[in-house]
Amino acid sequence: MRMNKVYYNELYDIYGSLLTKRQQEILQLYFQEDFSYAEISEELSISRAAVLDAVHKGCNALQKYEDCIHYIEHRNQVFELIKDDSILLEKIQEIL
């Protein structure tokens, strides 16, 4: 599973508290500490397959939360509106 780590790290920051404590622990090591599956496996004394499974399930859960809540989508729309408003304000100031 190829994933955008920056995007999932952002999802984790927003929705991470909705995951199980174990998923939080594993995803924190994977995304925020940049541990490999093998390093997490060794750190937590679990199999590499268990780490892989937890990362995939955790990412799927984070994406499901975003698909329902749309926080990032709405935030980006607000940023675009602010950007558009600032461009409009600059044009008005040029005219005046």
PDB file of N, CA and C in Angstrom:
ATOM      1  N   MET A   1       0.847  -1.194   0.000  1.00  0.00           N
ATOM      2  CA  MET A   1       0.000   0.000   0.000  1.00  0.00           C
ATOM      3  C   MET A   1       0.877   1.238   0.000  1.00  0.00           C
ATOM      4  N   ARG A   2       0.877   1.944  -1.095  1.00  0.00           N
ATOM      5  CA  ARG A   2       1.631   3.195  -1.181  1.00  0.00           C
ATOM      6  C   ARG A   2       0.748   4.310  -0.653  1.00  0.00           C
ATOM      7  N   MET A   3       1.267   5.066   0.291  1.00  0.00           N
ATOM      8  CA  MET A   3       0.446   6.101   0.893  1.00  0.00           C
ATOM      9  C   MET A   3       1.212   7.408   0.985  1.00  0.00           C
ATOM     10  N   ASN A   4       0.464   8.472   1.011  1.00  0.00           N
ATOM     11  CA  ASN A   4       1.029   9.790   1.198  1.00  0.00           C
ATOM     12  C   ASN A   4       1.171  10.010   2.703  1.00  0.00           C
ATOM     13  N   LYS A   5       2.387   9.894   3.197  1.00  0.00           N
ATOM     14  CA  LYS A   5       2.604   9.974   4.639  1.00  0.00           C
ATOM     15  C   LYS A   5       2.219  11.338   5.207  1.00  0.00           C
ATOM     16  N   VAL A   6       2.421  12.401   4.439  1.00  0.00           N
ATOM     17  CA  VAL A   6       2.057  13.728   4.926  1.00  0.00           C
ATOM     18  C   VAL A   6       0.541  13.814   5.125  1.00  0.00           C
ATOM     19  N   TYR A   7      -0.208  13.313   4.153  1.00  0.00           N
ATOM     20  CA  TYR A   7      -1.677  13.332   4.232  1.00  0.00           C
ATOM     21  C   TYR A   7      -2.162  12.509   5.423  1.00  0.00           C
ATOM     22  N   TYR A   8      -1.646  11.303   5.567  1.00  0.00           N
ATOM     23  CA  TYR A   8      -2.099  10.451   6.673  1.00  0.00           C
ATOM     24  C   TYR A   8      -1.625  10.970   8.024  1.00  0.00           C
ATOM     25  N   ASN A   9      -0.496  11.631   8.053  1.00  0.00           N
ATOM     26  CA  ASN A   9      -0.040  12.257   9.296  1.00  0.00           C
ATOM     27  C   ASN A   9      -1.011  13.370   9.690  1.00  0.00           C
ATOM     28  N   GLU A  10      -1.486  14.117   8.690  1.00  0.00           N
ATOM     29  CA  GLU A  10      -2.470  15.164   8.943  1.00  0.00           C
ATOM     30  C   GLU A  10      -3.790  14.552   9.436  1.00  0.00           C
ATOM     31  N   LEU A  11      -4.220  13.467   8.782  1.00  0.00           N
ATOM     32  CA  LEU A  11      -5.422  12.776   9.253  1.00  0.00           C
ATOM     33  C   LEU A  11      -5.234  12.287  10.680  1.00  0.00           C
ATOM     34  N   TYR A  12      -4.052  11.764  10.985  1.00  0.00           N
ATOM     35  CA  TYR A  12      -3.780  11.276  12.335  1.00  0.00           C
ATOM     36  C   TYR A  12      -3.866  12.422  13.346  1.00  0.00           C
ATOM     37  N   ASP A  13      -3.323  13.580  12.986  1.00  0.00           N
ATOM     38  CA  ASP A  13      -3.389  14.732  13.896  1.00  0.00           C
ATOM     39  C   ASP A  13      -4.838  15.118  14.201  1.00  0.00           C
ATOM     40  N   ILE A  14      -5.697  14.997  13.206  1.00  0.00           N
ATOM     41  CA  ILE A  14      -7.092  15.403  13.363  1.00  0.00           C
ATOM     42  C   ILE A  14      -7.935  14.317  14.038  1.00  0.00           C
ATOM     43  N   TYR A  15      -7.817  13.093  13.557  1.00  0.00           N
ATOM     44  CA  TYR A  15      -8.716  12.012  13.979  1.00  0.00           C
ATOM     45  C   TYR A  15      -8.042  10.928  14.827  1.00  0.00           C
ATOM     46  N   GLY A  16      -6.766  11.068  15.106  1.00  0.00           N
ATOM     47  CA  GLY A  16      -6.023  10.016  15.797  1.00  0.00           C
ATOM     48  C   GLY A  16      -6.623   9.594  17.124  1.00  0.00           C
ATOM     49  N   SER A  17      -7.226  10.527  17.837  1.00  0.00           N
ATOM     50  CA  SER A  17      -7.794  10.192  19.147  1.00  0.00           C
ATOM     51  C   SER A  17      -9.003   9.264  19.027  1.00  0.00           C
ATOM     52  N   LEU A  18      -9.534   9.090  17.813  1.00  0.00           N
ATOM     53  CA  LEU A  18     -10.664   8.191  17.603  1.00  0.00           C
ATOM     54  C   LEU A  18     -10.220   6.736  17.407  1.00  0.00           C
ATOM     55  N   LEU A  19      -8.931   6.526  17.234  1.00  0.00           N
ATOM     56  CA  LEU A  19      -8.387   5.179  17.044  1.00  0.00           C
ATOM     57  C   LEU A  19      -8.161   4.510  18.393  1.00  0.00           C
ATOM     58  N   THR A  20      -7.935   3.194  18.357  1.00  0.00           N
ATOM     59  CA  THR A  20      -7.593   2.485  19.588  1.00  0.00           C
ATOM     60  C   THR A  20      -6.215   2.950  20.062  1.00  0.00           C
ATOM     61  N   LYS A  21      -5.940   2.760  21.320  1.00  0.00           N
ATOM     62  CA  LYS A  21      -4.637   3.164  21.878  1.00  0.00           C
ATOM     63  C   LYS A  21      -3.491   2.467  21.138  1.00  0.00           C
ATOM     64  N   ARG A  22      -3.677   1.203  20.802  1.00  0.00           N
ATOM     65  CA  ARG A  22      -2.627   0.451  20.105  1.00  0.00           C
ATOM     66  C   ARG A  22      -2.405   1.013  18.694  1.00  0.00           C
ATOM     67  N   GLN A  23      -3.508   1.317  17.970  1.00  0.00           N
ATOM     68  CA  GLN A  23      -3.370   1.918  16.650  1.00  0.00           C
ATOM     69  C   GLN A  23      -2.682   3.276  16.750  1.00  0.00           C
ATOM     70  N   GLN A  24      -3.044   4.047  17.759  1.00  0.00           N
ATOM     71  CA  GLN A  24      -2.399   5.346  17.959  1.00  0.00           C
ATOM     72  C   GLN A  24      -0.894   5.185  18.157  1.00  0.00           C
ATOM     73  N   GLU A  25      -0.541   4.222  18.997  1.00  0.00           N
ATOM     74  CA  GLU A  25       0.870   3.975  19.294  1.00  0.00           C
ATOM     75  C   GLU A  25       1.637   3.591  18.027  1.00  0.00           C
ATOM     76  N   ILE A  26       1.072   2.680  17.256  1.00  0.00           N
ATOM     77  CA  ILE A  26       1.737   2.203  16.043  1.00  0.00           C
ATOM     78  C   ILE A  26       1.804   3.302  14.989  1.00  0.00           C
ATOM     79  N   LEU A  27       0.701   4.013  14.768  1.00  0.00           N
ATOM     80  CA  LEU A  27       0.709   5.069  13.750  1.00  0.00           C
ATOM     81  C   LEU A  27       1.600   6.239  14.150  1.00  0.00           C
ATOM     82  N   GLN A  28       1.683   6.522  15.434  1.00  0.00           N
ATOM     83  CA  GLN A  28       2.584   7.578  15.879  1.00  0.00           C
ATOM     84  C   GLN A  28       4.035   7.212  15.555  1.00  0.00           C
ATOM     85  N   LEU A  29       4.395   5.974  15.836  1.00  0.00           N
ATOM     86  CA  LEU A  29       5.750   5.528  15.509  1.00  0.00           C
ATOM     87  C   LEU A  29       5.987   5.547  13.993  1.00  0.00           C
ATOM     88  N   TYR A  30       4.979   5.134  13.232  1.00  0.00           N
ATOM     89  CA  TYR A  30       5.134   5.032  11.782  1.00  0.00           C
ATOM     90  C   TYR A  30       5.171   6.408  11.105  1.00  0.00           C
ATOM     91  N   PHE A  31       4.231   7.272  11.439  1.00  0.00           N
ATOM     92  CA  PHE A  31       4.140   8.557  10.751  1.00  0.00           C
ATOM     93  C   PHE A  31       4.972   9.647  11.401  1.00  0.00           C
ATOM     94  N   GLN A  32       4.894   9.766  12.711  1.00  0.00           N
ATOM     95  CA  GLN A  32       5.555  10.891  13.365  1.00  0.00           C
ATOM     96  C   GLN A  32       7.015  10.616  13.709  1.00  0.00           C
ATOM     97  N   GLU A  33       7.320   9.365  14.024  1.00  0.00           N
ATOM     98  CA  GLU A  33       8.708   9.019  14.348  1.00  0.00           C
ATOM     99  C   GLU A  33       9.443   8.424  13.151  1.00  0.00           C
ATOM    100  N   ASP A  34       8.712   8.150  12.078  1.00  0.00           N
ATOM    101  CA  ASP A  34       9.253   7.606  10.833  1.00  0.00           C
ATOM    102  C   ASP A  34       9.952   6.256  11.027  1.00  0.00           C
ATOM    103  N   PHE A  35       9.397   5.424  11.918  1.00  0.00           N
ATOM    104  CA  PHE A  35       9.914   4.078  12.108  1.00  0.00           C
ATOM    105  C   PHE A  35       9.458   3.196  10.945  1.00  0.00           C
ATOM    106  N   SER A  36      10.267   2.222  10.603  1.00  0.00           N
ATOM    107  CA  SER A  36       9.876   1.230   9.600  1.00  0.00           C
ATOM    108  C   SER A  36       8.993   0.179  10.280  1.00  0.00           C
ATOM    109  N   TYR A  37       8.371  -0.673   9.472  1.00  0.00           N
ATOM    110  CA  TYR A  37       7.571  -1.763  10.036  1.00  0.00           C
ATOM    111  C   TYR A  37       8.437  -2.637  10.944  1.00  0.00           C
ATOM    112  N   ALA A  38       9.639  -2.929  10.499  1.00  0.00           N
ATOM    113  CA  ALA A  38      10.547  -3.780  11.278  1.00  0.00           C
ATOM    114  C   ALA A  38      10.923  -3.116  12.602  1.00  0.00           C
ATOM    115  N   GLU A  39      11.182  -1.814  12.569  1.00  0.00           N
ATOM    116  CA  GLU A  39      11.553  -1.101  13.798  1.00  0.00           C
ATOM    117  C   GLU A  39      10.387  -1.073  14.789  1.00  0.00           C
ATOM    118  N   ILE A  40       9.190  -0.867  14.281  1.00  0.00           N
ATOM    119  CA  ILE A  40       8.011  -0.874  15.158  1.00  0.00           C
ATOM    120  C   ILE A  40       7.815  -2.267  15.735  1.00  0.00           C
ATOM    121  N   SER A  41       7.975  -3.269  14.895  1.00  0.00           N
ATOM    122  CA  SER A  41       7.842  -4.660  15.324  1.00  0.00           C
ATOM    123  C   SER A  41       8.791  -4.957  16.485  1.00  0.00           C
ATOM    124  N   GLU A  42      10.010  -4.529  16.329  1.00  0.00           N
ATOM    125  CA  GLU A  42      11.017  -4.758  17.371  1.00  0.00           C
ATOM    126  C   GLU A  42      10.704  -3.947  18.626  1.00  0.00           C
ATOM    127  N   GLU A  43      10.324  -2.692  18.445  1.00  0.00           N
ATOM    128  CA  GLU A  43      10.021  -1.793  19.565  1.00  0.00           C
ATOM    129  C   GLU A  43       8.859  -2.303  20.410  1.00  0.00           C
ATOM    130  N   LEU A  44       7.826  -2.824  19.758  1.00  0.00           N
ATOM    131  CA  LEU A  44       6.618  -3.237  20.468  1.00  0.00           C
ATOM    132  C   LEU A  44       6.523  -4.743  20.691  1.00  0.00           C
ATOM    133  N   SER A  45       7.536  -5.467  20.250  1.00  0.00           N
ATOM    134  CA  SER A  45       7.574  -6.929  20.400  1.00  0.00           C
ATOM    135  C   SER A  45       6.343  -7.598  19.791  1.00  0.00           C
ATOM    136  N   ILE A  46       6.023  -7.199  18.564  1.00  0.00           N
ATOM    137  CA  ILE A  46       4.940  -7.821  17.802  1.00  0.00           C
ATOM    138  C   ILE A  46       5.485  -8.158  16.419  1.00  0.00           C
ATOM    139  N   SER A  47       4.750  -8.962  15.697  1.00  0.00           N
ATOM    140  CA  SER A  47       5.243  -9.360  14.367  1.00  0.00           C
ATOM    141  C   SER A  47       5.150  -8.195  13.389  1.00  0.00           C
ATOM    142  N   ARG A  48       5.975  -8.279  12.369  1.00  0.00           N
ATOM    143  CA  ARG A  48       5.960  -7.271  11.314  1.00  0.00           C
ATOM    144  C   ARG A  48       4.601  -7.275  10.611  1.00  0.00           C
ATOM    145  N   ALA A  49       4.017  -8.446  10.450  1.00  0.00           N
ATOM    146  CA  ALA A  49       2.696  -8.561   9.819  1.00  0.00           C
ATOM    147  C   ALA A  49       1.628  -7.851  10.661  1.00  0.00           C
ATOM    148  N   ALA A  50       1.743  -7.941  11.980  1.00  0.00           N
ATOM    149  CA  ALA A  50       0.790  -7.263  12.864  1.00  0.00           C
ATOM    150  C   ALA A  50       0.921  -5.746  12.726  1.00  0.00           C
ATOM    151  N   VAL A  51       2.142  -5.271  12.572  1.00  0.00           N
ATOM    152  CA  VAL A  51       2.377  -3.840  12.371  1.00  0.00           C
ATOM    153  C   VAL A  51       1.765  -3.401  11.049  1.00  0.00           C
ATOM    154  N   LEU A  52       2.058  -4.138  10.000  1.00  0.00           N
ATOM    155  CA  LEU A  52       1.530  -3.824   8.671  1.00  0.00           C
ATOM    156  C   LEU A  52       0.005  -3.772   8.705  1.00  0.00           C
ATOM    157  N   ASP A  53      -0.605  -4.753   9.332  1.00  0.00           N
ATOM    158  CA  ASP A  53      -2.057  -4.820   9.439  1.00  0.00           C
ATOM    159  C   ASP A  53      -2.602  -3.625  10.233  1.00  0.00           C
ATOM    160  N   ALA A  54      -1.962  -3.282  11.334  1.00  0.00           N
ATOM    161  CA  ALA A  54      -2.416  -2.163  12.170  1.00  0.00           C
ATOM    162  C   ALA A  54      -2.298  -0.837  11.421  1.00  0.00           C
ATOM    163  N   VAL A  55      -1.221  -0.658  10.673  1.00  0.00           N
ATOM    164  CA  VAL A  55      -1.046   0.573   9.893  1.00  0.00           C
ATOM    165  C   VAL A  55      -2.146   0.673   8.834  1.00  0.00           C
ATOM    166  N   HIS A  56      -2.394  -0.406   8.115  1.00  0.00           N
ATOM    167  CA  HIS A  56      -3.428  -0.390   7.067  1.00  0.00           C
ATOM    168  C   HIS A  56      -4.816  -0.156   7.655  1.00  0.00           C
ATOM    169  N   LYS A  57      -5.139  -0.858   8.722  1.00  0.00           N
ATOM    170  CA  LYS A  57      -6.453  -0.682   9.339  1.00  0.00           C
ATOM    171  C   LYS A  57      -6.599   0.719   9.923  1.00  0.00           C
ATOM    172  N   GLY A  58      -5.547   1.206  10.538  1.00  0.00           N
ATOM    173  CA  GLY A  58      -5.579   2.562  11.099  1.00  0.00           C
ATOM    174  C   GLY A  58      -5.760   3.616  10.018  1.00  0.00           C
ATOM    175  N   CYS A  59      -5.042   3.469   8.911  1.00  0.00           N
ATOM    176  CA  CYS A  59      -5.170   4.414   7.794  1.00  0.00           C
ATOM    177  C   CYS A  59      -6.558   4.349   7.175  1.00  0.00           C
ATOM    178  N   ASN A  60      -7.083   3.149   7.043  1.00  0.00           N
ATOM    179  CA  ASN A  60      -8.444   3.007   6.514  1.00  0.00           C
ATOM    180  C   ASN A  60      -9.452   3.688   7.427  1.00  0.00           C
ATOM    181  N   ALA A  61      -9.278   3.538   8.731  1.00  0.00           N
ATOM    182  CA  ALA A  61     -10.185   4.175   9.688  1.00  0.00           C
ATOM    183  C   ALA A  61     -10.075   5.696   9.599  1.00  0.00           C
ATOM    184  N   LEU A  62      -8.848   6.216   9.515  1.00  0.00           N
ATOM    185  CA  LEU A  62      -8.657   7.662   9.397  1.00  0.00           C
ATOM    186  C   LEU A  62      -9.325   8.203   8.140  1.00  0.00           C
ATOM    187  N   GLN A  63      -9.164   7.479   7.039  1.00  0.00           N
ATOM    188  CA  GLN A  63      -9.777   7.909   5.785  1.00  0.00           C
ATOM    189  C   GLN A  63     -11.302   7.855   5.871  1.00  0.00           C
ATOM    190  N   LYS A  64     -11.812   6.850   6.555  1.00  0.00           N
ATOM    191  CA  LYS A  64     -13.263   6.721   6.720  1.00  0.00           C
ATOM    192  C   LYS A  64     -13.813   7.908   7.520  1.00  0.00           C
ATOM    193  N   TYR A  65     -13.085   8.323   8.568  1.00  0.00           N
ATOM    194  CA  TYR A  65     -13.508   9.484   9.347  1.00  0.00           C
ATOM    195  C   TYR A  65     -13.531  10.736   8.468  1.00  0.00           C
ATOM    196  N   GLU A  66     -12.496  10.916   7.669  1.00  0.00           N
ATOM    197  CA  GLU A  66     -12.445  12.091   6.788  1.00  0.00           C
ATOM    198  C   GLU A  66     -13.561  12.027   5.751  1.00  0.00           C
ATOM    199  N   ASP A  67     -13.846  10.846   5.225  1.00  0.00           N
ATOM    200  CA  ASP A  67     -14.922  10.698   4.237  1.00  0.00           C
ATOM    201  C   ASP A  67     -16.285  11.067   4.824  1.00  0.00           C
ATOM    202  N   CYS A  68     -16.455  10.855   6.119  1.00  0.00           N
ATOM    203  CA  CYS A  68     -17.724  11.191   6.779  1.00  0.00           C
ATOM    204  C   CYS A  68     -17.781  12.648   7.232  1.00  0.00           C
ATOM    205  N   ILE A  69     -16.678  13.142   7.774  1.00  0.00           N
ATOM    206  CA  ILE A  69     -16.673  14.466   8.407  1.00  0.00           C
ATOM    207  C   ILE A  69     -16.246  15.575   7.443  1.00  0.00           C
ATOM    208  N   HIS A  70     -15.344  15.269   6.542  1.00  0.00           N
ATOM    209  CA  HIS A  70     -14.854  16.215   5.524  1.00  0.00           C
ATOM    210  C   HIS A  70     -14.137  17.429   6.112  1.00  0.00           C
ATOM    211  N   TYR A  71     -13.475  17.270   7.234  1.00  0.00           N
ATOM    212  CA  TYR A  71     -12.797  18.398   7.867  1.00  0.00           C
ATOM    213  C   TYR A  71     -11.732  19.009   6.951  1.00  0.00           C
ATOM    214  N   ILE A  72     -10.849  18.181   6.421  1.00  0.00           N
ATOM    215  CA  ILE A  72      -9.763  18.690   5.579  1.00  0.00           C
ATOM    216  C   ILE A  72     -10.325  19.353   4.328  1.00  0.00           C
ATOM    217  N   GLU A  73     -11.319  18.722   3.731  1.00  0.00           N
ATOM    218  CA  GLU A  73     -11.949  19.292   2.532  1.00  0.00           C
ATOM    219  C   GLU A  73     -12.533  20.679   2.838  1.00  0.00           C
ATOM    220  N   HIS A  74     -13.266  20.795   3.936  1.00  0.00           N
ATOM    221  CA  HIS A  74     -13.878  22.075   4.299  1.00  0.00           C
ATOM    222  C   HIS A  74     -12.821  23.109   4.681  1.00  0.00           C
ATOM    223  N   ARG A  75     -11.808  22.686   5.377  1.00  0.00           N
ATOM    224  CA  ARG A  75     -10.731  23.606   5.745  1.00  0.00           C
ATOM    225  C   ARG A  75     -10.047  24.161   4.499  1.00  0.00           C
ATOM    226  N   ASN A  76      -9.803  23.294   3.520  1.00  0.00           N
ATOM    227  CA  ASN A  76      -9.172  23.744   2.285  1.00  0.00           C
ATOM    228  C   ASN A  76     -10.069  24.719   1.526  1.00  0.00           C
ATOM    229  N   GLN A  77     -11.371  24.490   1.560  1.00  0.00           N
ATOM    230  CA  GLN A  77     -12.302  25.423   0.922  1.00  0.00           C
ATOM    231  C   GLN A  77     -12.260  26.784   1.611  1.00  0.00           C
ATOM    232  N   VAL A  78     -12.173  26.792   2.920  1.00  0.00           N
ATOM    233  CA  VAL A  78     -12.073  28.055   3.658  1.00  0.00           C
ATOM    234  C   VAL A  78     -10.780  28.774   3.280  1.00  0.00           C
ATOM    235  N   PHE A  79      -9.677  28.043   3.201  1.00  0.00           N
ATOM    236  CA  PHE A  79      -8.408  28.653   2.808  1.00  0.00           C
ATOM    237  C   PHE A  79      -8.495  29.257   1.413  1.00  0.00           C
ATOM    238  N   GLU A  80      -9.168  28.574   0.506  1.00  0.00           N
ATOM    239  CA  GLU A  80      -9.336  29.102  -0.853  1.00  0.00           C
ATOM    240  C   GLU A  80     -10.165  30.384  -0.844  1.00  0.00           C
ATOM    241  N   LEU A  81     -11.223  30.414  -0.050  1.00  0.00           N
ATOM    242  CA  LEU A  81     -12.047  31.619   0.051  1.00  0.00           C
ATOM    243  C   LEU A  81     -11.249  32.784   0.621  1.00  0.00           C
ATOM    244  N   ILE A  82     -10.453  32.512   1.632  1.00  0.00           N
ATOM    245  CA  ILE A  82      -9.610  33.555   2.220  1.00  0.00           C
ATOM    246  C   ILE A  82      -8.615  34.064   1.190  1.00  0.00           C
ATOM    247  N   LYS A  83      -8.010  33.145   0.454  1.00  0.00           N
ATOM    248  CA  LYS A  83      -7.055  33.518  -0.586  1.00  0.00           C
ATOM    249  C   LYS A  83      -7.747  34.358  -1.653  1.00  0.00           C
ATOM    250  N   ASP A  84      -8.924  33.927  -2.088  1.00  0.00           N
ATOM    251  CA  ASP A  84      -9.675  34.675  -3.094  1.00  0.00           C
ATOM    252  C   ASP A  84     -10.048  36.057  -2.579  1.00  0.00           C
ATOM    253  N   ASP A  85     -10.455  36.130  -1.320  1.00  0.00           N
ATOM    254  CA  ASP A  85     -10.813  37.422  -0.737  1.00  0.00           C
ATOM    255  C   ASP A  85      -9.611  38.353  -0.659  1.00  0.00           C
ATOM    256  N   SER A  86      -8.450  37.816  -0.320  1.00  0.00           N
ATOM    257  CA  SER A  86      -7.262  38.665  -0.224  1.00  0.00           C
ATOM    258  C   SER A  86      -6.850  39.164  -1.608  1.00  0.00           C
ATOM    259  N   ILE A  87      -7.020  38.339  -2.642  1.00  0.00           N
ATOM    260  CA  ILE A  87      -6.729  38.772  -4.011  1.00  0.00           C
ATOM    261  C   ILE A  87      -7.709  39.868  -4.421  1.00  0.00           C
ATOM    262  N   LEU A  88      -8.979  39.668  -4.101  1.00  0.00           N
ATOM    263  CA  LEU A  88     -10.002  40.664  -4.408  1.00  0.00           C
ATOM    264  C   LEU A  88      -9.706  41.974  -3.680  1.00  0.00           C
ATOM    265  N   LEU A  89      -9.327  41.905  -2.418  1.00  0.00           N
ATOM    266  CA  LEU A  89      -8.994  43.097  -1.638  1.00  0.00           C
ATOM    267  C   LEU A  89      -7.815  43.843  -2.269  1.00  0.00           C
ATOM    268  N   GLU A  90      -6.802  43.115  -2.722  1.00  0.00           N
ATOM    269  CA  GLU A  90      -5.658  43.746  -3.370  1.00  0.00           C
ATOM    270  C   GLU A  90      -6.076  44.471  -4.647  1.00  0.00           C
ATOM    271  N   LYS A  91      -6.954  43.869  -5.421  1.00  0.00           N
ATOM    272  CA  LYS A  91      -7.438  44.494  -6.657  1.00  0.00           C
ATOM    273  C   LYS A  91      -8.241  45.752  -6.355  1.00  0.00           C
ATOM    274  N   ILE A  92      -9.058  45.694  -5.316  1.00  0.00           N
ATOM    275  CA  ILE A  92      -9.834  46.882  -4.933  1.00  0.00           C
ATOM    276  C   ILE A  92      -8.898  48.005  -4.499  1.00  0.00           C
ATOM    277  N   GLN A  93      -7.857  47.650  -3.743  1.00  0.00           N
ATOM    278  CA  GLN A  93      -6.900  48.654  -3.279  1.00  0.00           C
ATOM    279  C   GLN A  93      -6.140  49.271  -4.464  1.00  0.00           C
ATOM    280  N   GLU A  94      -5.864  48.489  -5.487  1.00  0.00           N
ATOM    281  CA  GLU A  94      -5.196  49.003  -6.687  1.00  0.00           C
ATOM    282  C   GLU A  94      -6.070  50.025  -7.389  1.00  0.00           C
ATOM    283  N   ILE A  95      -7.372  49.748  -7.443  1.00  0.00           N
ATOM    284  CA  ILE A  95      -8.309  50.633  -8.119  1.00  0.00           C
ATOM    285  C   ILE A  95      -8.432  51.961  -7.355  1.00  0.00           C
ATOM    286  N   LEU A  96      -8.466  51.855  -6.048  1.00  0.00           N
ATOM    287  CA  LEU A  96      -8.615  53.053  -5.216  1.00  0.00           C
ATOM    288  C   LEU A  96      -7.298  53.772  -5.167  1.00  0.00           C
TER     289      LEU A  96
END
